Amino acid sequence: MADRALVFDFGTRRIGVASASRLAGTVTALATLPAHDGVPEWQEVAALIRDWQPEVLVVGLPRNTDGTDSAMTRRSRAFGQWLAGRSGLLVEEIDERYTSAEAEAVLREQRRDGSRRRRVQPADIDLMAARLMAETWLRS
């Protein structure tokens, strides 16, 4: 079982990235990468891989509420294949239904209770979604 992972919240405009370590029991929100039709700059991804040294990459699959695949599920899988081909690392998939909605709710609550001062931006939601998926990966 892998100890360290980089977790990707795939999107066509932005991709949230978080790291997770089972040994340390930690999750760290790292970055929101800009993407052009779902493709980030490889150099940015490669730098994260080099700096965080994951054993596995994890890609969230946004499925329909009934669990079936959507067009975005297929695009996320293609992104995972792209990552595997570029990095040479194993890519795992994780169900991310409702993660973005949960991320937005967490951030809005932080804004309401005063622990977050700045307004919630779409990039913040992607980053929090990646963090929530990393926490799920830790528990799996």
N, C-alpha and C. Protein backbone atom coordinates (compact mmCIF):
# COMPACT_ATOMS: atom_id res chain seq x y z
N MET A 1 0.85 -1.18 0.00
CA MET A 1 0.00 0.00 0.00
C MET A 1 0.89 1.24 0.00
N ALA A 2 0.57 2.16 -0.87
CA ALA A 2 1.37 3.39 -1.01
C ALA A 2 1.19 4.29 0.22
N ASP A 3 2.27 4.97 0.57
CA ASP A 3 2.22 5.91 1.69
C ASP A 3 1.91 7.33 1.23
N ARG A 4 2.57 7.79 0.16
CA ARG A 4 2.44 9.19 -0.26
C ARG A 4 1.72 9.30 -1.59
N ALA A 5 0.77 10.25 -1.65
CA ALA A 5 -0.01 10.45 -2.87
C ALA A 5 -0.12 11.94 -3.18
N LEU A 6 -0.22 12.23 -4.46
CA LEU A 6 -0.69 13.54 -4.92
C LEU A 6 -2.09 13.29 -5.44
N VAL A 7 -3.02 14.13 -5.02
CA VAL A 7 -4.42 13.95 -5.36
C VAL A 7 -4.87 15.13 -6.24
N PHE A 8 -5.54 14.81 -7.34
CA PHE A 8 -5.93 15.81 -8.34
C PHE A 8 -7.45 15.91 -8.44
N ASP A 9 -7.96 17.12 -8.28
CA ASP A 9 -9.37 17.42 -8.54
C ASP A 9 -9.42 17.99 -9.95
N PHE A 10 -9.72 17.14 -10.92
CA PHE A 10 -9.68 17.50 -12.33
C PHE A 10 -10.80 18.46 -12.70
N GLY A 11 -10.44 19.44 -13.52
CA GLY A 11 -11.40 20.36 -14.12
C GLY A 11 -10.85 20.84 -15.45
N THR A 12 -11.72 21.34 -16.29
CA THR A 12 -11.25 21.79 -17.60
C THR A 12 -10.52 23.12 -17.53
N ARG A 13 -10.80 23.94 -16.50
CA ARG A 13 -10.12 25.23 -16.35
C ARG A 13 -9.11 25.27 -15.22
N ARG A 14 -9.36 24.48 -14.18
CA ARG A 14 -8.48 24.45 -13.01
C ARG A 14 -8.40 23.02 -12.49
N ILE A 15 -7.24 22.70 -11.90
CA ILE A 15 -7.04 21.38 -11.30
C ILE A 15 -6.47 21.60 -9.91
N GLY A 16 -7.24 21.23 -8.89
CA GLY A 16 -6.77 21.33 -7.51
C GLY A 16 -5.85 20.16 -7.20
N VAL A 17 -4.80 20.44 -6.42
CA VAL A 17 -3.83 19.39 -6.07
C VAL A 17 -3.57 19.43 -4.57
N ALA A 18 -3.59 18.25 -3.96
CA ALA A 18 -3.27 18.10 -2.54
C ALA A 18 -2.33 16.91 -2.39
N SER A 19 -1.62 16.88 -1.28
CA SER A 19 -0.77 15.72 -0.99
C SER A 19 -1.33 15.02 0.24
N ALA A 20 -1.02 13.73 0.35
CA ALA A 20 -1.45 12.95 1.50
C ALA A 20 -0.34 11.97 1.86
N SER A 21 -0.15 11.78 3.16
CA SER A 21 0.81 10.80 3.65
C SER A 21 0.13 9.92 4.69
N ARG A 22 0.05 8.63 4.41
CA ARG A 22 -0.56 7.71 5.38
C ARG A 22 0.31 7.57 6.62
N LEU A 23 1.62 7.51 6.44
CA LEU A 23 2.53 7.36 7.57
C LEU A 23 2.41 8.53 8.55
N ALA A 24 2.42 9.73 8.02
CA ALA A 24 2.31 10.92 8.87
C ALA A 24 0.87 11.26 9.22
N GLY A 25 -0.08 10.70 8.45
CA GLY A 25 -1.49 11.01 8.69
C GLY A 25 -1.83 12.44 8.35
N THR A 26 -1.15 13.00 7.33
CA THR A 26 -1.34 14.41 7.00
C THR A 26 -1.87 14.59 5.58
N VAL A 27 -2.56 15.70 5.41
CA VAL A 27 -3.05 16.15 4.12
C VAL A 27 -2.66 17.61 3.99
N THR A 28 -2.15 17.98 2.81
CA THR A 28 -1.75 19.37 2.57
C THR A 28 -2.33 19.81 1.24
N ALA A 29 -3.09 20.91 1.27
CA ALA A 29 -3.57 21.51 0.03
C ALA A 29 -2.38 22.23 -0.60
N LEU A 30 -2.07 21.92 -1.86
CA LEU A 30 -0.85 22.43 -2.48
C LEU A 30 -1.06 23.57 -3.46
N ALA A 31 -1.89 23.36 -4.46
CA ALA A 31 -1.99 24.35 -5.52
C ALA A 31 -3.25 24.13 -6.34
N THR A 32 -3.66 25.19 -7.01
CA THR A 32 -4.67 25.09 -8.04
C THR A 32 -3.97 25.46 -9.35
N LEU A 33 -3.87 24.48 -10.22
CA LEU A 33 -3.16 24.68 -11.48
C LEU A 33 -4.13 25.13 -12.56
N PRO A 34 -3.77 26.15 -13.31
CA PRO A 34 -4.62 26.50 -14.45
C PRO A 34 -4.54 25.40 -15.50
N ALA A 35 -5.64 25.16 -16.18
CA ALA A 35 -5.67 24.13 -17.22
C ALA A 35 -6.32 24.72 -18.47
N HIS A 36 -5.90 24.21 -19.59
CA HIS A 36 -6.46 24.61 -20.87
C HIS A 36 -7.17 23.39 -21.44
N ASP A 37 -8.50 23.43 -21.38
CA ASP A 37 -9.33 22.30 -21.78
C ASP A 37 -8.91 21.01 -21.06
N GLY A 38 -8.61 21.15 -19.76
CA GLY A 38 -8.29 20.00 -18.93
C GLY A 38 -6.83 19.60 -18.89
N VAL A 39 -5.97 20.35 -19.58
CA VAL A 39 -4.55 20.01 -19.61
C VAL A 39 -3.73 21.10 -18.93
N PRO A 40 -3.08 20.76 -17.82
CA PRO A 40 -2.22 21.74 -17.15
C PRO A 40 -0.84 21.78 -17.81
N GLU A 41 -0.04 22.74 -17.43
CA GLU A 41 1.34 22.78 -17.88
C GLU A 41 2.08 21.61 -17.21
N TRP A 42 2.67 20.74 -18.01
CA TRP A 42 3.35 19.57 -17.46
C TRP A 42 4.45 19.97 -16.48
N GLN A 43 5.14 21.06 -16.75
CA GLN A 43 6.25 21.47 -15.88
C GLN A 43 5.77 21.73 -14.44
N GLU A 44 4.57 22.27 -14.30
CA GLU A 44 4.03 22.52 -12.96
C GLU A 44 3.70 21.21 -12.25
N VAL A 45 3.12 20.27 -12.98
CA VAL A 45 2.82 18.95 -12.41
C VAL A 45 4.12 18.24 -12.05
N ALA A 46 5.08 18.27 -12.96
CA ALA A 46 6.38 17.61 -12.73
C ALA A 46 7.08 18.19 -11.51
N ALA A 47 6.98 19.50 -11.30
CA ALA A 47 7.60 20.13 -10.14
C ALA A 47 6.95 19.64 -8.85
N LEU A 48 5.63 19.49 -8.84
CA LEU A 48 4.94 18.97 -7.66
C LEU A 48 5.36 17.53 -7.38
N ILE A 49 5.46 16.72 -8.43
CA ILE A 49 5.89 15.33 -8.27
C ILE A 49 7.31 15.30 -7.72
N ARG A 50 8.19 16.11 -8.27
CA ARG A 50 9.58 16.14 -7.81
C ARG A 50 9.67 16.59 -6.34
N ASP A 51 8.92 17.63 -5.98
CA ASP A 51 8.98 18.18 -4.63
C ASP A 51 8.34 17.28 -3.58
N TRP A 52 7.24 16.62 -3.92
CA TRP A 52 6.47 15.86 -2.93
C TRP A 52 6.73 14.36 -3.00
N GLN A 53 7.38 13.89 -4.06
CA GLN A 53 7.80 12.49 -4.19
C GLN A 53 6.68 11.48 -3.87
N PRO A 54 5.53 11.59 -4.56
CA PRO A 54 4.45 10.63 -4.29
C PRO A 54 4.80 9.25 -4.84
N GLU A 55 4.19 8.26 -4.23
CA GLU A 55 4.31 6.89 -4.72
C GLU A 55 3.16 6.57 -5.68
N VAL A 56 2.09 7.34 -5.56
CA VAL A 56 0.90 7.14 -6.39
C VAL A 56 0.26 8.50 -6.65
N LEU A 57 -0.42 8.60 -7.78
CA LEU A 57 -1.21 9.77 -8.12
C LEU A 57 -2.68 9.36 -8.05
N VAL A 58 -3.52 10.22 -7.52
CA VAL A 58 -4.93 9.90 -7.35
C VAL A 58 -5.75 10.96 -8.10
N VAL A 59 -6.67 10.50 -8.93
CA VAL A 59 -7.52 11.39 -9.71
C VAL A 59 -8.96 11.17 -9.31
N GLY A 60 -9.65 12.25 -8.99
CA GLY A 60 -11.06 12.17 -8.64
C GLY A 60 -11.93 11.97 -9.87
N LEU A 61 -12.90 11.07 -9.77
CA LEU A 61 -13.84 10.83 -10.86
C LEU A 61 -15.20 11.42 -10.50
N PRO A 62 -15.60 12.47 -11.21
CA PRO A 62 -16.92 13.07 -10.95
C PRO A 62 -18.02 12.26 -11.63
N ARG A 63 -18.69 11.43 -10.88
CA ARG A 63 -19.74 10.57 -11.43
C ARG A 63 -21.11 11.23 -11.25
N ASN A 64 -22.07 10.71 -12.00
CA ASN A 64 -23.46 11.14 -11.83
C ASN A 64 -23.94 10.70 -10.44
N THR A 65 -25.01 11.30 -9.98
CA THR A 65 -25.51 10.96 -8.65
C THR A 65 -25.87 9.49 -8.50
N ASP A 66 -26.26 8.84 -9.61
CA ASP A 66 -26.60 7.41 -9.55
C ASP A 66 -25.37 6.51 -9.69
N GLY A 67 -24.17 7.11 -9.76
CA GLY A 67 -22.94 6.34 -9.83
C GLY A 67 -22.46 6.03 -11.23
N THR A 68 -23.24 6.39 -12.23
CA THR A 68 -22.82 6.13 -13.60
C THR A 68 -21.82 7.18 -14.06
N ASP A 69 -21.09 6.83 -15.11
CA ASP A 69 -20.09 7.75 -15.65
C ASP A 69 -20.76 8.89 -16.41
N SER A 70 -20.11 10.04 -16.37
CA SER A 70 -20.53 11.21 -17.14
C SER A 70 -19.43 11.55 -18.14
N ALA A 71 -19.65 12.56 -18.92
CA ALA A 71 -18.61 13.02 -19.85
C ALA A 71 -17.38 13.46 -19.06
N MET A 72 -17.57 14.10 -17.92
CA MET A 72 -16.44 14.55 -17.10
C MET A 72 -15.71 13.36 -16.47
N THR A 73 -16.43 12.28 -16.18
CA THR A 73 -15.77 11.06 -15.68
C THR A 73 -14.77 10.56 -16.71
N ARG A 74 -15.22 10.50 -17.95
CA ARG A 74 -14.34 10.03 -19.02
C ARG A 74 -13.15 10.97 -19.21
N ARG A 75 -13.37 12.27 -19.11
CA ARG A 75 -12.26 13.23 -19.25
C ARG A 75 -11.29 13.09 -18.08
N SER A 76 -11.81 12.85 -16.88
CA SER A 76 -10.94 12.66 -15.72
C SER A 76 -10.08 11.41 -15.89
N ARG A 77 -10.69 10.34 -16.40
CA ARG A 77 -9.92 9.12 -16.66
C ARG A 77 -8.82 9.37 -17.69
N ALA A 78 -9.15 10.12 -18.72
CA ALA A 78 -8.15 10.45 -19.75
C ALA A 78 -7.02 11.28 -19.14
N PHE A 79 -7.36 12.18 -18.22
CA PHE A 79 -6.35 12.96 -17.52
C PHE A 79 -5.45 12.03 -16.70
N GLY A 80 -6.05 11.06 -16.02
CA GLY A 80 -5.27 10.09 -15.26
C GLY A 80 -4.32 9.29 -16.14
N GLN A 81 -4.79 8.91 -17.32
CA GLN A 81 -3.92 8.20 -18.26
C GLN A 81 -2.78 9.09 -18.73
N TRP A 82 -3.07 10.36 -18.95
CA TRP A 82 -2.04 11.33 -19.34
C TRP A 82 -1.00 11.44 -18.22
N LEU A 83 -1.47 11.55 -16.97
CA LEU A 83 -0.55 11.63 -15.83
C LEU A 83 0.33 10.38 -15.75
N ALA A 84 -0.28 9.21 -15.89
CA ALA A 84 0.47 7.96 -15.80
C ALA A 84 1.53 7.90 -16.89
N GLY A 85 1.15 8.27 -18.09
CA GLY A 85 2.09 8.22 -19.21
C GLY A 85 3.25 9.19 -19.04
N ARG A 86 2.96 10.37 -18.53
CA ARG A 86 4.00 11.39 -18.35
C ARG A 86 4.90 11.11 -17.15
N SER A 87 4.30 10.61 -16.07
CA SER A 87 5.06 10.47 -14.82
C SER A 87 5.66 9.09 -14.62
N GLY A 88 5.05 8.06 -15.21
CA GLY A 88 5.49 6.70 -14.97
C GLY A 88 5.00 6.16 -13.63
N LEU A 89 4.14 6.91 -12.95
CA LEU A 89 3.60 6.50 -11.65
C LEU A 89 2.24 5.83 -11.82
N LEU A 90 1.89 4.99 -10.86
CA LEU A 90 0.57 4.38 -10.79
C LEU A 90 -0.46 5.47 -10.53
N VAL A 91 -1.59 5.40 -11.20
CA VAL A 91 -2.68 6.34 -10.97
C VAL A 91 -3.88 5.58 -10.45
N GLU A 92 -4.38 6.00 -9.30
CA GLU A 92 -5.60 5.44 -8.72
C GLU A 92 -6.74 6.42 -8.97
N GLU A 93 -7.94 5.88 -9.00
CA GLU A 93 -9.13 6.72 -9.16
C GLU A 93 -9.93 6.69 -7.87
N ILE A 94 -10.58 7.80 -7.57
CA ILE A 94 -11.41 7.89 -6.38
C ILE A 94 -12.72 8.58 -6.75
N ASP A 95 -13.82 8.09 -6.21
CA ASP A 95 -15.13 8.69 -6.46
C ASP A 95 -15.17 10.05 -5.77
N GLU A 96 -15.49 11.07 -6.53
CA GLU A 96 -15.52 12.41 -5.94
C GLU A 96 -16.89 13.06 -6.05
N ARG A 97 -17.93 12.24 -6.12
CA ARG A 97 -19.28 12.82 -6.13
C ARG A 97 -19.47 13.72 -4.91
N TYR A 98 -20.02 14.89 -5.15
CA TYR A 98 -20.38 15.86 -4.11
C TYR A 98 -19.17 16.56 -3.46
N THR A 99 -17.95 16.23 -3.86
CA THR A 99 -16.78 16.82 -3.22
C THR A 99 -16.73 18.33 -3.41
N SER A 100 -17.01 18.80 -4.63
CA SER A 100 -16.96 20.25 -4.87
C SER A 100 -18.04 20.98 -4.07
N ALA A 101 -19.21 20.38 -3.97
CA ALA A 101 -20.28 20.99 -3.18
C ALA A 101 -19.90 21.03 -1.70
N GLU A 102 -19.31 19.94 -1.21
CA GLU A 102 -18.86 19.90 0.18
C GLU A 102 -17.75 20.93 0.41
N ALA A 103 -16.84 21.04 -0.54
CA ALA A 103 -15.74 22.01 -0.42
C ALA A 103 -16.28 23.43 -0.34
N GLU A 104 -17.23 23.74 -1.21
CA GLU A 104 -17.81 25.08 -1.20
C GLU A 104 -18.51 25.35 0.13
N ALA A 105 -19.24 24.36 0.65
CA ALA A 105 -19.93 24.54 1.93
C ALA A 105 -18.95 24.77 3.07
N VAL A 106 -17.84 24.04 3.09
CA VAL A 106 -16.81 24.21 4.12
C VAL A 106 -16.24 25.63 4.06
N LEU A 107 -15.91 26.08 2.86
CA LEU A 107 -15.32 27.41 2.70
C LEU A 107 -16.30 28.51 3.07
N ARG A 108 -17.54 28.37 2.69
CA ARG A 108 -18.55 29.38 3.04
C ARG A 108 -18.78 29.43 4.55
N GLU A 109 -18.75 28.27 5.19
CA GLU A 109 -18.89 28.23 6.65
C GLU A 109 -17.70 28.92 7.31
N GLN A 110 -16.50 28.70 6.79
CA GLN A 110 -15.31 29.38 7.32
C GLN A 110 -15.46 30.89 7.17
N ARG A 111 -16.03 31.32 6.09
CA ARG A 111 -16.25 32.76 5.87
C ARG A 111 -17.26 33.30 6.87
N ARG A 112 -18.33 32.52 7.11
CA ARG A 112 -19.37 32.95 8.06
C ARG A 112 -18.83 33.03 9.49
N ASP A 113 -18.02 32.04 9.88
CA ASP A 113 -17.54 32.04 11.27
C ASP A 113 -16.31 32.91 11.48
N GLY A 114 -15.83 33.55 10.42
CA GLY A 114 -14.72 34.48 10.54
C GLY A 114 -13.34 33.88 10.42
N SER A 115 -13.23 32.55 10.27
CA SER A 115 -11.91 31.95 10.15
C SER A 115 -11.33 32.14 8.75
N ARG A 116 -12.15 32.60 7.85
CA ARG A 116 -11.70 32.92 6.49
C ARG A 116 -12.15 34.34 6.19
N ARG A 117 -11.22 35.18 5.81
CA ARG A 117 -11.55 36.58 5.54
C ARG A 117 -11.89 36.84 4.07
N ARG A 118 -11.15 36.23 3.20
CA ARG A 118 -11.33 36.55 1.79
C ARG A 118 -12.50 35.78 1.19
N ARG A 119 -13.09 36.39 0.17
CA ARG A 119 -14.22 35.76 -0.51
C ARG A 119 -13.81 34.43 -1.13
N VAL A 120 -14.77 33.55 -1.26
CA VAL A 120 -14.52 32.23 -1.83
C VAL A 120 -14.45 32.35 -3.35
N GLN A 121 -13.34 31.91 -3.90
CA GLN A 121 -13.10 31.92 -5.34
C GLN A 121 -13.20 30.49 -5.88
N PRO A 122 -13.47 30.33 -7.18
CA PRO A 122 -13.52 28.97 -7.74
C PRO A 122 -12.24 28.17 -7.50
N ALA A 123 -11.08 28.81 -7.57
CA ALA A 123 -9.81 28.10 -7.33
C ALA A 123 -9.74 27.58 -5.90
N ASP A 124 -10.33 28.31 -4.95
CA ASP A 124 -10.35 27.87 -3.56
C ASP A 124 -11.17 26.58 -3.41
N ILE A 125 -12.27 26.51 -4.15
CA ILE A 125 -13.14 25.34 -4.09
C ILE A 125 -12.40 24.12 -4.65
N ASP A 126 -11.69 24.31 -5.77
CA ASP A 126 -10.94 23.20 -6.37
C ASP A 126 -9.85 22.70 -5.42
N LEU A 127 -9.19 23.62 -4.76
CA LEU A 127 -8.13 23.25 -3.83
C LEU A 127 -8.69 22.51 -2.61
N MET A 128 -9.80 22.99 -2.07
CA MET A 128 -10.43 22.32 -0.93
C MET A 128 -10.98 20.96 -1.36
N ALA A 129 -11.51 20.85 -2.56
CA ALA A 129 -12.01 19.55 -3.05
C ALA A 129 -10.87 18.54 -3.12
N ALA A 130 -9.71 18.97 -3.60
CA ALA A 130 -8.55 18.08 -3.65
C ALA A 130 -8.16 17.65 -2.24
N ARG A 131 -8.22 18.57 -1.31
CA ARG A 131 -7.89 18.26 0.09
C ARG A 131 -8.88 17.23 0.66
N LEU A 132 -10.15 17.41 0.39
CA LEU A 132 -11.16 16.47 0.88
C LEU A 132 -10.98 15.08 0.26
N MET A 133 -10.63 15.04 -1.03
CA MET A 133 -10.36 13.75 -1.66
C MET A 133 -9.12 13.10 -1.06
N ALA A 134 -8.11 13.90 -0.73
CA ALA A 134 -6.90 13.35 -0.10
C ALA A 134 -7.25 12.75 1.26
N GLU A 135 -8.13 13.39 2.00
CA GLU A 135 -8.56 12.84 3.29
C GLU A 135 -9.29 11.51 3.09
N THR A 136 -10.12 11.43 2.05
CA THR A 136 -10.82 10.18 1.72
C THR A 136 -9.80 9.10 1.37
N TRP A 137 -8.79 9.45 0.57
CA TRP A 137 -7.76 8.49 0.19
C TRP A 137 -7.03 7.96 1.44
N LEU A 138 -6.76 8.83 2.39
CA LEU A 138 -6.10 8.40 3.63
C LEU A 138 -6.92 7.35 4.36
N ARG A 139 -8.22 7.52 4.36
CA ARG A 139 -9.11 6.61 5.09
C ARG A 139 -9.36 5.31 4.33
N SER A 140 -9.02 5.27 3.05
CA SER A 140 -9.34 4.07 2.24
C SER A 140 -8.32 2.97 2.47
